[in-house]
Amino acid sequence: MDDITQALQLLADIDRDHMHAFHDPLNPRHSQAVKCYSELLDYVCIELSRRGSRDYQIGKGAPHPPALIETRPGFRTP
């Protein structure tokens, strides 16, 4: 797993963990967590823009994801 993928995973983990200091302004480590999150987000944005979309499929020319398949019983597409 490369560094960009790990950084994206860490950001997603922080976003999902509502007990993290990043989400709690009363936590004494909140300001440090916000600063670190911001720096990590800046790093990811810079690296993705530098490396381009060919590796991570995020640019304008990236292929569209496959269509979702509805699995609910009795569902009919409009």
N, C-alpha and C. Protein backbone atom coordinates (compact mmCIF):
# COMPACT_ATOMS: atom_id res chain seq x y z
N MET A 1 0.86 -1.17 0.00
CA MET A 1 0.00 0.00 0.00
C MET A 1 0.91 1.23 0.00
N ASP A 2 0.63 2.14 -0.90
CA ASP A 2 1.50 3.30 -0.98
C ASP A 2 1.06 4.38 0.01
N ASP A 3 1.87 5.41 0.10
CA ASP A 3 1.66 6.46 1.11
C ASP A 3 0.36 7.24 0.88
N ILE A 4 -0.03 7.47 -0.36
CA ILE A 4 -1.26 8.21 -0.64
C ILE A 4 -2.47 7.40 -0.17
N THR A 5 -2.46 6.12 -0.46
CA THR A 5 -3.57 5.27 -0.05
C THR A 5 -3.68 5.22 1.47
N GLN A 6 -2.54 5.13 2.14
CA GLN A 6 -2.55 5.12 3.61
C GLN A 6 -3.07 6.44 4.17
N ALA A 7 -2.68 7.54 3.56
CA ALA A 7 -3.13 8.85 4.02
C ALA A 7 -4.64 9.00 3.80
N LEU A 8 -5.13 8.56 2.66
CA LEU A 8 -6.57 8.61 2.40
C LEU A 8 -7.34 7.73 3.38
N GLN A 9 -6.77 6.58 3.71
CA GLN A 9 -7.42 5.69 4.68
C GLN A 9 -7.45 6.33 6.07
N LEU A 10 -6.36 6.98 6.45
CA LEU A 10 -6.32 7.65 7.75
C LEU A 10 -7.35 8.78 7.81
N LEU A 11 -7.46 9.58 6.76
CA LEU A 11 -8.46 10.64 6.73
C LEU A 11 -9.87 10.07 6.84
N ALA A 12 -10.12 8.98 6.14
CA ALA A 12 -11.44 8.34 6.21
C ALA A 12 -11.72 7.79 7.61
N ASP A 13 -10.69 7.22 8.25
CA ASP A 13 -10.86 6.70 9.61
C ASP A 13 -11.19 7.82 10.58
N ILE A 14 -10.54 8.95 10.44
CA ILE A 14 -10.81 10.11 11.31
C ILE A 14 -12.22 10.63 11.06
N ASP A 15 -12.64 10.67 9.80
CA ASP A 15 -13.99 11.14 9.47
C ASP A 15 -15.06 10.25 10.08
N ARG A 16 -14.80 8.94 10.13
CA ARG A 16 -15.78 8.00 10.67
C ARG A 16 -15.78 7.96 12.20
N ASP A 17 -14.67 8.31 12.84
CA ASP A 17 -14.54 8.21 14.29
C ASP A 17 -14.98 9.52 14.94
N HIS A 18 -16.23 9.56 15.40
CA HIS A 18 -16.76 10.80 15.97
C HIS A 18 -16.24 11.05 17.39
N MET A 19 -15.49 10.12 17.95
CA MET A 19 -14.88 10.32 19.27
C MET A 19 -13.45 10.88 19.13
N HIS A 20 -12.98 11.03 17.90
CA HIS A 20 -11.62 11.54 17.67
C HIS A 20 -11.54 13.00 18.11
N ALA A 21 -10.37 13.41 18.57
CA ALA A 21 -10.16 14.79 19.03
C ALA A 21 -10.48 15.81 17.94
N PHE A 22 -10.38 15.44 16.69
CA PHE A 22 -10.69 16.34 15.58
C PHE A 22 -12.14 16.81 15.64
N HIS A 23 -13.04 15.95 16.10
CA HIS A 23 -14.46 16.27 16.12
C HIS A 23 -14.94 16.87 17.45
N ASP A 24 -14.06 16.94 18.44
CA ASP A 24 -14.46 17.40 19.78
C ASP A 24 -13.73 18.68 20.15
N PRO A 25 -14.37 19.84 20.00
CA PRO A 25 -13.71 21.12 20.30
C PRO A 25 -13.30 21.26 21.77
N LEU A 26 -13.89 20.46 22.65
CA LEU A 26 -13.54 20.55 24.07
C LEU A 26 -12.33 19.68 24.43
N ASN A 27 -11.92 18.84 23.53
CA ASN A 27 -10.74 18.00 23.76
C ASN A 27 -9.50 18.88 23.74
N PRO A 28 -8.59 18.69 24.72
CA PRO A 28 -7.38 19.53 24.75
C PRO A 28 -6.48 19.35 23.51
N ARG A 29 -6.62 18.23 22.82
CA ARG A 29 -5.79 17.99 21.63
C ARG A 29 -6.51 18.37 20.34
N HIS A 30 -7.67 19.03 20.44
CA HIS A 30 -8.46 19.37 19.25
C HIS A 30 -7.69 20.24 18.26
N SER A 31 -7.08 21.30 18.73
CA SER A 31 -6.39 22.22 17.81
C SER A 31 -5.22 21.52 17.10
N GLN A 32 -4.51 20.67 17.83
CA GLN A 32 -3.41 19.91 17.21
C GLN A 32 -3.97 18.91 16.19
N ALA A 33 -5.09 18.28 16.51
CA ALA A 33 -5.69 17.32 15.58
C ALA A 33 -6.17 18.01 14.31
N VAL A 34 -6.76 19.19 14.45
CA VAL A 34 -7.22 19.95 13.28
C VAL A 34 -6.04 20.35 12.41
N LYS A 35 -4.97 20.78 13.04
CA LYS A 35 -3.76 21.18 12.30
C LYS A 35 -3.17 19.99 11.54
N CYS A 36 -3.06 18.85 12.21
CA CYS A 36 -2.50 17.66 11.57
C CYS A 36 -3.39 17.16 10.43
N TYR A 37 -4.71 17.18 10.65
CA TYR A 37 -5.65 16.76 9.62
C TYR A 37 -5.51 17.66 8.39
N SER A 38 -5.42 18.97 8.63
CA SER A 38 -5.29 19.92 7.53
C SER A 38 -3.99 19.70 6.76
N GLU A 39 -2.90 19.46 7.47
CA GLU A 39 -1.61 19.22 6.81
C GLU A 39 -1.66 17.93 6.00
N LEU A 40 -2.28 16.89 6.56
CA LEU A 40 -2.39 15.63 5.83
C LEU A 40 -3.26 15.79 4.59
N LEU A 41 -4.34 16.53 4.71
CA LEU A 41 -5.22 16.78 3.57
C LEU A 41 -4.49 17.57 2.48
N ASP A 42 -3.71 18.56 2.88
CA ASP A 42 -2.92 19.33 1.91
C ASP A 42 -1.91 18.44 1.19
N TYR A 43 -1.26 17.56 1.95
CA TYR A 43 -0.28 16.64 1.37
C TYR A 43 -0.95 15.74 0.32
N VAL A 44 -2.11 15.19 0.67
CA VAL A 44 -2.81 14.30 -0.25
C VAL A 44 -3.21 15.05 -1.51
N CYS A 45 -3.75 16.25 -1.36
CA CYS A 45 -4.16 17.03 -2.53
C CYS A 45 -2.98 17.36 -3.43
N ILE A 46 -1.87 17.74 -2.85
CA ILE A 46 -0.68 18.08 -3.63
C ILE A 46 -0.14 16.86 -4.36
N GLU A 47 -0.07 15.73 -3.65
CA GLU A 47 0.46 14.52 -4.27
C GLU A 47 -0.45 14.01 -5.38
N LEU A 48 -1.76 14.05 -5.16
CA LEU A 48 -2.67 13.59 -6.21
C LEU A 48 -2.62 14.49 -7.43
N SER A 49 -2.50 15.79 -7.22
CA SER A 49 -2.42 16.68 -8.37
C SER A 49 -1.08 16.53 -9.08
N ARG A 50 -0.03 16.24 -8.32
CA ARG A 50 1.29 16.05 -8.92
C ARG A 50 1.36 14.74 -9.70
N ARG A 51 0.81 13.68 -9.14
CA ARG A 51 0.88 12.37 -9.78
C ARG A 51 -0.14 12.22 -10.91
N GLY A 52 -1.22 12.96 -10.83
CA GLY A 52 -2.23 12.89 -11.88
C GLY A 52 -3.25 11.82 -11.62
N SER A 53 -4.25 11.81 -12.47
CA SER A 53 -5.38 10.91 -12.25
C SER A 53 -5.16 9.53 -12.83
N ARG A 54 -4.09 9.32 -13.54
CA ARG A 54 -3.93 8.01 -14.18
C ARG A 54 -3.78 6.88 -13.16
N ASP A 55 -3.27 7.22 -11.96
CA ASP A 55 -3.09 6.20 -10.94
C ASP A 55 -4.30 6.08 -10.01
N TYR A 56 -5.04 7.16 -9.83
CA TYR A 56 -6.08 7.17 -8.81
C TYR A 56 -7.48 7.43 -9.35
N GLN A 57 -7.63 7.63 -10.64
CA GLN A 57 -8.92 7.77 -11.29
C GLN A 57 -9.80 8.85 -10.65
N ILE A 58 -9.26 10.09 -10.57
CA ILE A 58 -10.04 11.18 -10.00
C ILE A 58 -10.20 12.35 -10.95
N GLY A 59 -9.50 12.35 -12.05
CA GLY A 59 -9.52 13.50 -12.95
C GLY A 59 -10.75 13.53 -13.85
N LYS A 60 -10.84 14.58 -14.67
CA LYS A 60 -11.96 14.74 -15.59
C LYS A 60 -12.01 13.61 -16.60
N GLY A 61 -10.86 13.10 -17.00
CA GLY A 61 -10.82 12.04 -18.00
C GLY A 61 -10.95 10.64 -17.43
N ALA A 62 -11.17 10.53 -16.14
CA ALA A 62 -11.28 9.21 -15.52
C ALA A 62 -12.55 8.51 -15.99
N PRO A 63 -12.48 7.20 -16.14
CA PRO A 63 -13.69 6.49 -16.58
C PRO A 63 -14.77 6.55 -15.50
N HIS A 64 -16.01 6.53 -15.94
CA HIS A 64 -17.11 6.54 -15.00
C HIS A 64 -17.18 5.21 -14.27
N PRO A 65 -17.60 5.21 -13.01
CA PRO A 65 -17.75 3.93 -12.31
C PRO A 65 -18.87 3.12 -12.93
N PRO A 66 -18.84 1.81 -12.73
CA PRO A 66 -19.91 0.99 -13.30
C PRO A 66 -21.26 1.35 -12.69
N ALA A 67 -22.30 1.11 -13.43
CA ALA A 67 -23.65 1.41 -12.95
C ALA A 67 -23.98 0.55 -11.74
N LEU A 68 -24.74 1.12 -10.83
CA LEU A 68 -25.16 0.36 -9.66
C LEU A 68 -26.23 -0.65 -10.06
N ILE A 69 -26.18 -1.78 -9.42
CA ILE A 69 -27.17 -2.83 -9.69
C ILE A 69 -28.11 -2.88 -8.50
N GLU A 70 -29.38 -2.71 -8.74
CA GLU A 70 -30.37 -2.74 -7.67
C GLU A 70 -30.63 -4.19 -7.27
N THR A 71 -30.55 -4.47 -5.98
CA THR A 71 -30.71 -5.85 -5.50
C THR A 71 -31.95 -6.04 -4.64
N ARG A 72 -32.76 -4.99 -4.47
CA ARG A 72 -33.97 -5.15 -3.66
C ARG A 72 -34.97 -6.02 -4.41
N PRO A 73 -35.61 -6.95 -3.71
CA PRO A 73 -36.60 -7.80 -4.38
C PRO A 73 -37.78 -6.95 -4.88
N GLY A 74 -38.21 -7.21 -6.09
CA GLY A 74 -39.36 -6.52 -6.66
C GLY A 74 -39.07 -5.16 -7.23
N PHE A 75 -37.82 -4.69 -7.17
CA PHE A 75 -37.49 -3.38 -7.69
C PHE A 75 -37.41 -3.43 -9.20
N ARG A 76 -38.02 -2.43 -9.85
CA ARG A 76 -37.94 -2.33 -11.32
C ARG A 76 -37.33 -0.98 -11.66
N THR A 77 -36.44 -0.97 -12.61
CA THR A 77 -35.83 0.29 -13.03
C THR A 77 -36.86 1.14 -13.74
N PRO A 78 -36.81 2.46 -13.57
CA PRO A 78 -37.82 3.32 -14.22
C PRO A 78 -37.65 3.35 -15.72
